[in-house]
N, C-alpha and C. Protein backbone atom coordinates (compact mmCIF):
# COMPACT_ATOMS: atom_id res chain seq x y z
N MET A 1 -11.99 -22.16 -9.72
CA MET A 1 -13.10 -21.98 -9.82
C MET A 1 -13.78 -21.84 -10.90
N ILE A 2 -15.05 -22.48 -10.88
CA ILE A 2 -15.58 -22.13 -11.69
C ILE A 2 -17.18 -21.25 -11.82
N ILE A 3 -17.33 -20.10 -12.56
CA ILE A 3 -17.98 -18.86 -12.35
C ILE A 3 -19.07 -19.38 -13.52
N THR A 4 -20.51 -19.24 -13.27
CA THR A 4 -21.09 -19.75 -14.26
C THR A 4 -22.22 -18.54 -14.30
N ALA A 5 -22.44 -17.37 -13.82
CA ALA A 5 -22.90 -16.18 -13.70
C ALA A 5 -23.49 -16.23 -15.48
N PRO A 6 -24.31 -15.43 -15.31
CA PRO A 6 -25.10 -15.26 -17.12
C PRO A 6 -24.59 -13.49 -17.43
N PHE A 7 -23.36 -13.34 -17.35
CA PHE A 7 -22.62 -12.14 -17.56
C PHE A 7 -22.41 -12.12 -19.02
N THR A 8 -22.37 -10.72 -19.51
CA THR A 8 -22.48 -10.59 -20.93
C THR A 8 -21.84 -9.31 -21.05
N LEU A 9 -20.92 -9.06 -22.25
CA LEU A 9 -20.60 -7.78 -22.61
C LEU A 9 -21.60 -7.14 -23.86
N VAL A 10 -21.74 -5.97 -23.48
CA VAL A 10 -22.21 -4.81 -24.14
C VAL A 10 -21.48 -4.11 -24.78
N ARG A 11 -20.92 -3.69 -25.94
CA ARG A 11 -20.29 -2.85 -26.49
C ARG A 11 -21.17 -1.09 -25.86
N SER A 12 -20.12 -0.36 -25.49
CA SER A 12 -20.46 0.80 -24.92
C SER A 12 -21.16 2.03 -25.85
N ASN A 13 -21.39 2.63 -25.38
CA ASN A 13 -22.17 3.97 -26.49
C ASN A 13 -20.37 4.74 -26.88
N LYS A 14 -20.33 4.98 -27.96
CA LYS A 14 -19.06 5.71 -28.40
C LYS A 14 -18.90 6.82 -28.09
N ASN A 15 -19.90 7.64 -27.38
CA ASN A 15 -19.55 8.98 -26.61
C ASN A 15 -18.75 8.77 -25.55
N ARG A 16 -18.49 7.53 -24.84
CA ARG A 16 -17.67 7.27 -23.90
C ARG A 16 -16.38 7.48 -23.59
N GLY A 17 -16.16 7.29 -25.07
CA GLY A 17 -14.33 7.33 -25.05
C GLY A 17 -13.76 6.53 -25.45
N GLY A 18 -14.44 5.05 -24.78
CA GLY A 18 -13.64 4.01 -25.25
C GLY A 18 -13.64 3.28 -26.69
N GLY A 19 -14.16 3.92 -27.57
CA GLY A 19 -14.21 3.14 -29.00
C GLY A 19 -14.84 1.55 -28.97
N ASP A 20 -14.00 1.05 -29.56
CA ASP A 20 -14.59 -0.08 -30.01
C ASP A 20 -13.46 -1.36 -28.96
N TYR A 21 -12.99 -0.84 -28.08
CA TYR A 21 -12.75 -1.55 -27.03
C TYR A 21 -13.33 -1.24 -25.83
N ASP A 22 -14.52 -0.72 -25.68
CA ASP A 22 -15.16 -0.35 -24.69
C ASP A 22 -16.53 -1.23 -24.31
N PHE A 23 -16.48 -1.82 -23.13
CA PHE A 23 -17.69 -2.65 -23.15
C PHE A 23 -18.33 -2.50 -21.48
N ASP A 24 -19.81 -2.39 -21.40
CA ASP A 24 -20.70 -2.65 -20.21
C ASP A 24 -20.11 -4.09 -19.91
N VAL A 25 -20.62 -4.18 -18.92
CA VAL A 25 -20.62 -5.81 -18.20
C VAL A 25 -21.98 -5.87 -17.26
N ARG A 26 -23.01 -6.78 -18.21
CA ARG A 26 -23.87 -7.16 -17.22
C ARG A 26 -24.54 -8.21 -16.37
N ASP A 27 -24.91 -7.79 -15.83
CA ASP A 27 -25.20 -9.27 -14.95
C ASP A 27 -26.93 -9.69 -15.21
N GLY A 28 -27.45 -10.22 -16.21
CA GLY A 28 -29.05 -10.08 -16.37
C GLY A 28 -29.06 -8.50 -17.26
N GLU A 29 -29.98 -8.23 -16.79
CA GLU A 29 -30.43 -6.72 -17.12
C GLU A 29 -29.24 -5.88 -16.89
N ARG A 30 -28.54 -5.90 -15.52
CA ARG A 30 -28.04 -4.87 -14.39
C ARG A 30 -26.54 -4.49 -15.05
N VAL A 31 -26.27 -3.47 -15.15
CA VAL A 31 -24.93 -2.96 -16.01
C VAL A 31 -24.46 -3.07 -14.13
N ILE A 32 -23.24 -3.84 -14.46
CA ILE A 32 -22.36 -4.22 -12.92
C ILE A 32 -20.85 -3.49 -13.04
N GLY A 33 -20.40 -3.22 -14.22
CA GLY A 33 -19.14 -2.90 -14.63
C GLY A 33 -18.52 -2.76 -15.79
N ARG A 34 -17.29 -2.53 -16.17
CA ARG A 34 -16.99 -2.02 -17.55
C ARG A 34 -15.62 -3.04 -17.65
N ILE A 35 -15.45 -2.75 -18.88
CA ILE A 35 -13.98 -3.85 -19.36
C ILE A 35 -13.38 -2.72 -20.58
N VAL A 36 -12.46 -2.11 -20.14
CA VAL A 36 -12.11 -1.49 -21.31
C VAL A 36 -10.51 -1.22 -21.97
N ARG A 37 -10.02 -1.42 -23.25
CA ARG A 37 -8.89 -1.63 -23.62
C ARG A 37 -8.22 -0.12 -23.37
N HIS A 38 -7.32 0.04 -22.26
CA HIS A 38 -6.94 1.62 -22.10
C HIS A 38 -5.50 1.57 -22.34
N PRO A 39 -5.54 3.04 -23.15
CA PRO A 39 -4.27 3.30 -23.98
C PRO A 39 -2.99 3.81 -22.83
N GLN A 40 -3.44 3.61 -21.74
CA GLN A 40 -2.72 4.06 -20.85
C GLN A 40 -2.02 2.95 -19.66
N ALA A 41 -2.59 2.02 -20.29
CA ALA A 41 -2.17 0.55 -19.22
C ALA A 41 -1.47 -0.29 -19.18
N PRO A 42 -0.76 -0.55 -18.44
CA PRO A 42 0.61 -1.34 -18.88
C PRO A 42 0.83 -2.60 -20.30
N ARG A 43 1.37 -2.11 -20.78
CA ARG A 43 1.41 -3.12 -21.72
C ARG A 43 1.32 -4.67 -21.92
N GLU A 44 2.05 -5.44 -20.54
CA GLU A 44 1.46 -7.03 -20.85
C GLU A 44 -0.06 -6.62 -20.21
N ALA A 45 -0.67 -5.78 -19.62
CA ALA A 45 -2.14 -5.84 -18.98
C ALA A 45 -2.70 -4.99 -19.48
N PRO A 46 -3.22 -4.83 -20.72
CA PRO A 46 -4.18 -3.68 -21.47
C PRO A 46 -5.35 -3.38 -20.84
N TRP A 47 -5.92 -4.28 -20.80
CA TRP A 47 -7.65 -4.41 -20.33
C TRP A 47 -7.63 -3.88 -19.16
N PHE A 48 -8.70 -2.87 -18.44
CA PHE A 48 -8.77 -2.50 -16.92
C PHE A 48 -10.24 -2.79 -17.44
N TRP A 49 -10.48 -3.07 -15.98
CA TRP A 49 -12.06 -3.50 -15.62
C TRP A 49 -12.07 -2.75 -14.36
N ALA A 50 -13.30 -2.58 -13.83
CA ALA A 50 -13.92 -1.98 -12.95
C ALA A 50 -15.25 -2.58 -12.57
N ILE A 51 -15.61 -2.69 -11.26
CA ILE A 51 -17.00 -2.81 -10.83
C ILE A 51 -17.61 -1.14 -10.49
N THR A 52 -18.75 -1.15 -11.58
CA THR A 52 -19.25 0.24 -11.47
C THR A 52 -20.68 -0.05 -10.95
N ALA A 53 -21.45 -1.04 -10.35
CA ALA A 53 -22.47 -1.02 -10.01
C ALA A 53 -22.93 0.14 -9.17
N GLU A 54 -24.20 0.48 -9.34
CA GLU A 54 -24.91 1.64 -8.48
C GLU A 54 -25.42 0.49 -7.41
N GLY A 55 -24.95 1.24 -6.25
CA GLY A 55 -25.32 0.94 -4.78
C GLY A 55 -24.20 -0.01 -3.97
N TYR A 56 -23.18 -0.52 -5.29
CA TYR A 56 -22.27 -1.17 -4.39
C TYR A 56 -21.26 -0.59 -3.71
N LYS A 57 -20.65 -1.31 -2.19
CA LYS A 57 -19.54 -0.76 -1.89
C LYS A 57 -18.69 -0.91 -2.26
N THR A 58 -17.85 -0.19 -2.66
CA THR A 58 -16.33 -0.46 -3.65
C THR A 58 -15.35 -0.27 -2.50
N SER A 59 -14.34 -1.47 -2.73
CA SER A 59 -12.90 -1.38 -2.61
C SER A 59 -11.85 -0.87 -3.52
N LEU A 60 -11.08 -0.88 -3.28
CA LEU A 60 -9.24 -0.69 -4.47
C LEU A 60 -9.33 -2.32 -4.71
N ALA A 61 -9.80 -3.11 -4.19
CA ALA A 61 -9.99 -4.62 -5.04
C ALA A 61 -10.72 -4.58 -6.17
N ASP A 62 -11.77 -3.70 -6.38
CA ASP A 62 -13.00 -3.98 -7.16
C ASP A 62 -12.45 -3.01 -8.66
N ARG A 63 -11.10 -3.16 -8.84
CA ARG A 63 -10.81 -2.83 -10.29
C ARG A 63 -9.40 -3.22 -10.35
N GLY A 64 -8.71 -3.51 -11.41
CA GLY A 64 -7.54 -4.00 -12.35
C GLY A 64 -7.30 -4.13 -13.24
N TYR A 65 -6.38 -4.30 -13.73
CA TYR A 65 -5.59 -5.17 -15.13
C TYR A 65 -5.56 -6.30 -15.90
N ALA A 66 -5.73 -6.74 -16.99
CA ALA A 66 -5.59 -8.12 -17.47
C ALA A 66 -4.77 -8.15 -18.96
N ALA A 67 -4.21 -9.39 -18.99
CA ALA A 67 -3.64 -9.52 -20.54
C ALA A 67 -4.40 -9.41 -21.53
N THR A 68 -5.76 -9.68 -21.28
CA THR A 68 -6.73 -10.20 -22.30
C THR A 68 -7.95 -9.87 -21.49
N ARG A 69 -9.15 -9.46 -22.77
CA ARG A 69 -10.31 -8.99 -22.38
C ARG A 69 -11.44 -10.33 -21.60
N GLU A 70 -10.31 -11.56 -21.96
CA GLU A 70 -11.30 -12.70 -21.15
C GLU A 70 -11.01 -13.08 -19.90
N ASN A 71 -9.69 -12.63 -19.41
CA ASN A 71 -9.17 -12.86 -18.29
C ASN A 71 -9.69 -11.44 -17.56
N ALA A 72 -10.09 -10.36 -18.06
CA ALA A 72 -10.70 -9.44 -17.41
C ALA A 72 -12.07 -9.76 -16.92
N VAL A 73 -12.69 -10.45 -18.04
CA VAL A 73 -14.17 -10.65 -17.25
C VAL A 73 -13.84 -11.50 -16.46
N VAL A 74 -12.79 -12.56 -16.12
CA VAL A 74 -12.97 -13.54 -15.39
C VAL A 74 -12.48 -12.83 -13.93
N GLN A 75 -11.39 -11.92 -13.76
CA GLN A 75 -11.21 -11.58 -12.65
C GLN A 75 -12.56 -10.58 -12.24
N LEU A 76 -13.18 -9.98 -12.98
CA LEU A 76 -14.38 -8.91 -12.32
C LEU A 76 -15.41 -9.76 -11.77
N LYS A 77 -15.81 -11.03 -12.80
CA LYS A 77 -16.75 -11.97 -12.52
C LYS A 77 -16.18 -12.10 -10.78
N ALA A 78 -15.04 -12.72 -10.71
CA ALA A 78 -14.81 -13.37 -9.45
C ALA A 78 -14.68 -12.08 -8.11
N GLN A 79 -14.10 -11.03 -8.46
CA GLN A 79 -14.38 -9.93 -7.57
C GLN A 79 -15.75 -10.16 -7.46
N TRP A 80 -17.37 -9.62 -8.22
CA TRP A 80 -18.23 -9.80 -8.17
C TRP A 80 -18.95 -10.68 -7.49
N LEU A 81 -18.65 -11.67 -7.57
CA LEU A 81 -19.06 -12.87 -6.57
C LEU A 81 -18.18 -13.29 -5.29
N ARG A 82 -17.27 -12.47 -5.17
CA ARG A 82 -16.33 -12.62 -3.91
C ARG A 82 -17.40 -13.30 -2.50
N ASP A 83 -16.88 -14.00 -1.67
CA ASP A 83 -17.57 -14.09 -0.53
C ASP A 83 -17.07 -12.84 0.49
N ASP A 84 -18.17 -12.27 1.33
CA ASP A 84 -17.36 -11.02 2.26
C ASP A 84 -17.28 -12.23 3.70
N LEU A 85 -15.95 -11.51 4.17
CA LEU A 85 -16.07 -12.36 5.28
C LEU A 85 -15.97 -11.11 6.70
N VAL A 86 -17.06 -11.19 7.32
CA VAL A 86 -17.39 -10.31 7.87
C VAL A 86 -16.90 -10.32 9.58
N CYS A 87 -16.44 -9.38 10.20
CA CYS A 87 -15.47 -9.25 11.20
C CYS A 87 -15.62 -8.36 12.07
N ARG A 88 -15.86 -8.45 13.34
CA ARG A 88 -15.90 -7.12 14.60
C ARG A 88 -14.47 -6.40 14.02
N ARG A 89 -14.45 -5.29 14.66
CA ARG A 89 -13.59 -4.28 14.92
C ARG A 89 -13.09 -4.36 16.18
N VAL A 90 -11.93 -3.92 16.23
CA VAL A 90 -11.16 -4.43 17.47
C VAL A 90 -11.71 -3.37 18.58
N ALA A 91 -11.87 -2.56 17.93
CA ALA A 91 -12.59 -1.40 19.05
C ALA A 91 -13.70 -1.71 19.73
N ASP A 92 -14.48 -2.85 19.07
CA ASP A 92 -15.81 -3.19 19.45
C ASP A 92 -15.32 -4.33 20.38
N LEU A 93 -14.48 -5.06 19.78
CA LEU A 93 -14.08 -6.26 20.49
C LEU A 93 -12.67 -6.54 21.25
N PRO A 94 -12.46 -6.02 22.30
CA PRO A 94 -11.30 -5.91 22.44
C PRO A 94 -10.34 -7.57 22.51
N THR A 95 -11.04 -8.29 23.05
CA THR A 95 -10.52 -9.65 23.22
C THR A 95 -11.27 -10.93 22.41
N PRO A 96 -11.00 -11.33 21.33
CA PRO A 96 -12.13 -12.41 20.47
C PRO A 96 -12.24 -13.87 21.54
N ASP A 97 -13.21 -14.48 21.00
CA ASP A 97 -13.25 -15.94 22.01
C ASP A 97 -12.79 -16.79 21.21
N VAL A 98 -12.14 -16.49 19.83
CA VAL A 98 -11.53 -17.68 18.93
C VAL A 98 -10.07 -17.20 18.70
N PRO A 99 -8.72 -18.09 18.58
CA PRO A 99 -7.65 -17.48 18.05
C PRO A 99 -7.88 -16.82 17.27
N SER A 100 -7.40 -15.61 16.44
CA SER A 100 -7.66 -14.23 15.75
C SER A 100 -6.34 -13.77 15.44
N PHE A 101 -6.57 -12.91 14.77
CA PHE A 101 -5.26 -12.44 14.19
C PHE A 101 -5.73 -10.73 13.88
N ILE A 102 -5.30 -9.13 13.57
CA ILE A 102 -6.01 -8.74 13.24
C ILE A 102 -5.11 -8.11 11.72
N VAL A 103 -6.47 -7.17 11.24
CA VAL A 103 -6.31 -6.89 9.72
C VAL A 103 -7.03 -5.67 9.51
N ARG A 104 -6.63 -5.35 8.24
CA ARG A 104 -7.64 -4.17 7.89
C ARG A 104 -9.05 -4.28 7.24
N CYS A 105 -10.10 -3.58 7.62
CA CYS A 105 -11.53 -3.80 6.69
C CYS A 105 -10.71 -3.08 5.38
N VAL A 106 -11.05 -3.95 4.21
CA VAL A 106 -10.90 -3.22 2.98
C VAL A 106 -11.59 -1.79 2.02
N HIS A 107 -12.83 -1.78 3.04
CA HIS A 107 -13.43 -0.43 2.61
C HIS A 107 -12.67 0.71 3.77
N CYS A 108 -13.01 0.44 4.85
CA CYS A 108 -12.81 1.62 5.44
C CYS A 108 -11.38 2.01 6.53
N ASN A 109 -10.37 0.59 6.44
CA ASN A 109 -9.16 0.43 6.92
C ASN A 109 -9.21 0.14 8.41
N ALA A 110 -10.53 0.02 8.66
CA ALA A 110 -10.30 0.07 10.32
C ALA A 110 -9.85 -1.56 10.79
N GLN A 111 -9.08 -1.16 11.89
CA GLN A 111 -8.44 -2.84 12.52
C GLN A 111 -9.78 -4.00 12.82
N ILE A 112 -9.79 -4.73 12.38
CA ILE A 112 -10.56 -6.10 12.47
C ILE A 112 -9.70 -7.08 12.84
N TRP A 113 -10.60 -8.36 13.43
CA TRP A 113 -10.55 -9.40 13.71
C TRP A 113 -11.10 -10.61 13.04
N VAL A 114 -9.96 -11.51 12.55
CA VAL A 114 -10.15 -12.83 11.48
C VAL A 114 -9.80 -13.80 12.45
N ALA A 115 -10.60 -14.89 12.39
CA ALA A 115 -10.34 -16.02 13.35
C ALA A 115 -9.18 -16.58 12.09
N LEU A 116 -8.45 -17.44 12.64
CA LEU A 116 -7.75 -18.41 12.11
C LEU A 116 -7.58 -19.07 11.37
N ASN A 117 -8.92 -19.63 11.44
CA ASN A 117 -9.26 -20.88 11.22
C ASN A 117 -10.48 -20.20 9.62
N SER A 118 -10.65 -18.85 9.18
CA SER A 118 -11.35 -18.45 8.39
C SER A 118 -10.76 -18.97 6.91
N PRO A 119 -11.64 -18.99 6.00
CA PRO A 119 -11.20 -18.79 4.57
C PRO A 119 -10.16 -17.94 3.93
N SER A 120 -9.15 -17.72 3.37
CA SER A 120 -8.04 -16.92 3.30
C SER A 120 -8.34 -16.17 1.57
N ASN A 121 -9.40 -16.86 1.14
CA ASN A 121 -9.52 -15.97 0.25
C ASN A 121 -11.19 -15.51 0.01
N ALA A 122 -11.45 -15.24 0.98
CA ALA A 122 -12.72 -14.00 1.37
C ALA A 122 -12.10 -12.57 1.30
N THR A 123 -13.14 -11.79 1.41
CA THR A 123 -12.68 -10.66 1.33
C THR A 123 -12.94 -10.24 2.78
N ARG A 124 -12.03 -9.52 3.41
CA ARG A 124 -12.47 -9.29 4.83
C ARG A 124 -12.88 -7.77 5.18
N ILE A 125 -14.01 -7.60 5.69
CA ILE A 125 -14.86 -6.02 5.86
C ILE A 125 -15.06 -6.28 7.07
N CYS A 126 -15.51 -4.95 7.95
CA CYS A 126 -15.88 -4.53 9.23
C CYS A 126 -17.36 -5.00 9.10
N SER A 127 -18.05 -5.33 10.42
CA SER A 127 -19.51 -5.45 10.48
C SER A 127 -20.19 -4.03 10.19
N PRO A 128 -19.60 -2.87 10.47
CA PRO A 128 -20.15 -1.50 9.83
C PRO A 128 -20.40 -1.47 8.70
N CYS A 129 -19.20 -1.93 7.75
CA CYS A 129 -18.94 -1.46 6.45
C CYS A 129 -20.32 -2.55 5.79
N ALA A 130 -20.48 -3.81 6.42
CA ALA A 130 -21.33 -4.84 6.08
C ALA A 130 -22.82 -4.46 5.63
N GLY A 131 -22.73 -3.44 6.83
CA GLY A 131 -24.37 -3.05 6.95
C GLY A 131 -25.42 -3.98 7.01
N ASP A 132 -25.27 -5.35 7.69
CA ASP A 132 -26.17 -6.49 7.49
C ASP A 132 -26.49 -6.87 8.78
N GLY A 133 -25.54 -6.35 9.69
CA GLY A 133 -25.72 -7.16 11.09
C GLY A 133 -25.09 -8.10 11.46
N LYS A 134 -24.37 -8.96 10.30
CA LYS A 134 -23.76 -10.09 10.52
C LYS A 134 -22.39 -9.97 11.30
N GLN A 135 -22.24 -10.39 12.56
CA GLN A 135 -20.65 -10.18 13.41
C GLN A 135 -20.21 -11.39 13.43
N THR A 136 -19.18 -11.62 12.60
CA THR A 136 -18.52 -12.99 13.01
C THR A 136 -16.94 -12.60 13.55
N GLU A 137 -16.14 -13.44 14.22
CA GLU A 137 -14.96 -13.27 14.72
C GLU A 137 -13.92 -13.62 14.01
């Protein structure tokens, strides 16, 4: 996957505590995340990244560790630009119209239906967490 978003790294304020290895990640003028070389990170992956954008619905997939700062940028960008697959909750739709399987919403952990032919790399969320009214089986 090639990501071409105009993301930039800006060294953070020294008062934040990350020193010379602490960066804000910007998408244009908006700060969307942070990348920092963390002293308590695993030795093989010392760079911690996290999406921190205001108003962004976060999940456990919105942070991680990487071996290099460049890899951290790639992982953060991939997560920021991910496609969400919005699905109906099992409680709202007892039997889907298409062959499906049950997984859990990455935001609220509710059981949701996912169509067998849906993209495997999409982030799966329930329609209430999506908040936009889109509903897919």
